Amino acid sequence: MPGIDECLLDVMRLPGARGAAVVDWTSGLALGTIGESPNGDHEATAAETAEVARMAAEQPVFAQAAHTADPAHSALRGPARPDRSPTAPPGPAVEDVIVTAAAGYHILRFVETAFDSSVFLHLWLDRSEGNLALARIRLGEIAERLVLA
């Protein structure tokens, strides 16, 4: 199973990929980066995207959506929420977050891990060269294969 560096190389093979990172959303630290950074600083980008991921993952409105979702079709990833019902799938009700900007897309894909699952993949995708649907699907596949030790 591929580690961080191999997964980031796979991400950068996506058409329109400008840069990518594996980020811990609780600390805001980049565990690995590749390519460009939107602001020229991978560490600052990791901290900023971690804020967005944390906000999405911790919102009760998204947890509520998981209660009505079919668990067979849910690809929930992330830490268990103590405030959720026992019948809800574990983790935040968020698979990914997509932020649309004028020149590109930022896709934050939550990664399931053996420990606390506070990791996500961040892909910065060029709007004119990238395919958002394809990138989202491939990022999900890559996140499932990612092994963190």
Protein backbone atom coordinates (compact mmCIF):
# COMPACT_ATOMS: atom_id res chain seq x y z
CA MET A 1 0.00 0.00 0.00
CA PRO A 2 1.36 3.43 -0.91
CA GLY A 3 2.56 5.96 1.61
CA ILE A 4 2.30 9.73 1.55
CA ASP A 5 4.92 10.40 -1.14
CA GLU A 6 3.53 7.81 -3.56
CA CYS A 7 -0.04 9.03 -3.08
CA LEU A 8 0.99 12.63 -3.66
CA LEU A 9 2.72 11.59 -6.89
CA ASP A 10 -0.52 9.86 -7.96
CA VAL A 11 -2.50 13.01 -7.16
CA MET A 12 -0.18 15.13 -9.30
CA ARG A 13 -0.87 12.85 -12.30
CA LEU A 14 -4.42 14.20 -12.40
CA PRO A 15 -5.04 16.61 -15.29
CA GLY A 16 -4.80 20.17 -14.01
CA ALA A 17 -3.20 19.31 -10.65
CA ARG A 18 -1.16 22.30 -9.47
CA GLY A 19 -0.24 21.15 -5.98
CA ALA A 20 -1.23 18.73 -3.26
CA ALA A 21 -0.66 18.00 0.40
CA VAL A 22 -1.51 15.55 3.13
CA VAL A 23 -2.54 17.59 6.16
CA ASP A 24 -3.42 16.87 9.78
CA TRP A 25 -6.54 18.96 10.32
CA THR A 26 -6.25 19.10 14.10
CA SER A 27 -2.78 20.66 14.09
CA GLY A 28 -2.72 22.25 10.63
CA LEU A 29 0.62 20.61 9.84
CA ALA A 30 1.49 19.37 6.37
CA LEU A 31 2.63 15.73 6.52
CA GLY A 32 3.73 15.88 2.88
CA THR A 33 3.52 18.33 -0.01
CA ILE A 34 4.15 18.36 -3.74
CA GLY A 35 3.87 20.88 -6.55
CA GLU A 36 2.86 24.49 -6.12
CA SER A 37 1.08 26.18 -3.25
CA PRO A 38 -1.62 28.79 -3.92
CA ASN A 39 0.14 31.36 -1.73
CA GLY A 40 3.71 30.12 -2.24
CA ASP A 41 3.95 28.60 1.24
CA HIS A 42 2.90 24.98 1.76
CA GLU A 43 2.86 25.28 5.56
CA ALA A 44 0.61 28.34 5.53
CA THR A 45 -1.68 26.67 3.00
CA ALA A 46 -1.87 23.55 5.20
CA ALA A 47 -2.87 25.64 8.23
CA GLU A 48 -5.49 27.55 6.24
CA THR A 49 -7.05 24.49 4.63
CA ALA A 50 -7.03 22.70 8.01
CA GLU A 51 -9.30 25.45 9.34
CA VAL A 52 -11.78 24.79 6.53
CA ALA A 53 -11.62 21.01 7.04
CA ARG A 54 -12.07 21.32 10.80
CA MET A 55 -15.05 23.64 10.42
CA ALA A 56 -16.77 21.28 7.99
CA ALA A 57 -16.00 18.11 9.96
CA GLU A 58 -17.22 19.48 13.27
CA GLN A 59 -20.52 21.02 12.20
CA PRO A 60 -23.62 19.25 13.55
CA VAL A 61 -25.61 20.00 10.38
CA PHE A 62 -23.32 17.67 8.42
CA ALA A 63 -23.49 15.04 11.17
CA GLN A 64 -27.28 15.21 10.88
CA ALA A 65 -27.01 14.46 7.15
CA ALA A 66 -25.21 11.21 8.00
CA HIS A 67 -28.14 10.01 10.08
CA THR A 68 -30.34 9.93 6.99
CA ALA A 69 -27.69 8.60 4.60
CA ASP A 70 -27.58 4.97 3.58
CA PRO A 71 -24.55 3.50 5.43
CA ALA A 72 -23.90 1.18 2.49
CA HIS A 73 -23.24 4.21 0.30
CA SER A 74 -21.41 6.27 2.88
CA ALA A 75 -17.66 6.71 2.53
CA LEU A 76 -17.39 8.65 5.80
CA ARG A 77 -13.87 9.25 6.96
CA GLY A 78 -12.58 10.88 10.09
CA PRO A 79 -12.68 10.76 13.86
CA ALA A 80 -15.61 9.35 15.78
CA ARG A 81 -17.98 11.97 17.12
CA PRO A 82 -19.20 11.35 20.70
CA ASP A 83 -22.31 13.49 20.10
CA ARG A 84 -23.57 11.28 17.25
CA SER A 85 -26.18 8.57 17.56
CA PRO A 86 -24.95 4.97 17.86
CA THR A 87 -26.61 4.10 14.55
CA ALA A 88 -24.76 6.76 12.58
CA PRO A 89 -21.59 5.75 10.74
CA PRO A 90 -18.37 6.78 12.52
CA GLY A 91 -16.58 9.99 11.67
CA PRO A 92 -17.71 13.32 10.34
CA ALA A 93 -20.46 13.31 7.79
CA VAL A 94 -18.06 14.82 5.30
CA GLU A 95 -16.27 12.91 2.55
CA ASP A 96 -14.74 15.95 0.99
CA VAL A 97 -14.99 19.72 0.82
CA ILE A 98 -14.77 21.58 -2.48
CA VAL A 99 -13.95 25.26 -2.59
CA THR A 100 -14.36 26.95 -5.95
CA ALA A 101 -12.09 29.91 -6.65
CA ALA A 102 -11.75 32.03 -9.77
CA ALA A 103 -8.71 30.15 -11.08
CA GLY A 104 -9.18 26.73 -9.57
CA TYR A 105 -10.67 24.28 -7.16
CA HIS A 106 -9.50 23.15 -3.76
CA ILE A 107 -10.60 19.63 -2.87
CA LEU A 108 -10.14 18.48 0.71
CA ARG A 109 -10.65 14.72 0.96
CA PHE A 110 -10.81 13.16 4.43
CA VAL A 111 -8.65 10.05 4.91
CA GLU A 112 -9.52 7.14 7.17
CA THR A 113 -6.56 6.08 9.29
CA ALA A 114 -5.91 3.41 11.90
CA PHE A 115 -5.40 6.03 14.59
CA ASP A 116 -7.37 9.28 15.01
CA SER A 117 -8.35 9.95 11.37
CA SER A 118 -7.56 13.65 11.47
CA VAL A 119 -5.91 13.67 8.05
CA PHE A 120 -7.06 14.94 4.69
CA LEU A 121 -5.68 15.22 1.17
CA HIS A 122 -5.69 18.71 -0.31
CA LEU A 123 -5.62 19.05 -4.09
CA TRP A 124 -5.27 22.40 -5.80
CA LEU A 125 -6.73 21.91 -9.27
CA ASP A 126 -6.50 24.35 -12.19
CA ARG A 127 -9.98 25.33 -13.26
CA SER A 128 -9.34 25.42 -17.01
CA GLU A 129 -7.28 22.22 -17.24
CA GLY A 130 -8.76 20.06 -14.51
CA ASN A 131 -11.83 17.88 -14.36
CA LEU A 132 -13.48 18.34 -10.98
CA ALA A 133 -15.57 15.17 -11.13
CA LEU A 134 -12.65 12.98 -12.15
CA ALA A 135 -10.38 14.58 -9.55
CA ARG A 136 -12.93 13.98 -6.80
CA ILE A 137 -13.32 10.31 -7.73
CA ARG A 138 -9.57 9.69 -8.06
CA LEU A 139 -8.81 11.55 -4.83
CA GLY A 140 -11.26 9.26 -3.02
CA GLU A 141 -9.52 6.18 -4.47
CA ILE A 142 -6.11 7.52 -3.50
CA ALA A 143 -7.32 8.35 0.03
CA GLU A 144 -8.52 4.77 0.48
CA ARG A 145 -5.09 3.40 -0.48
CA LEU A 146 -3.07 5.86 1.59
CA VAL A 147 -1.15 4.21 4.43
CA LEU A 148 0.05 6.36 7.28
CA ALA A 149 2.52 4.87 9.72
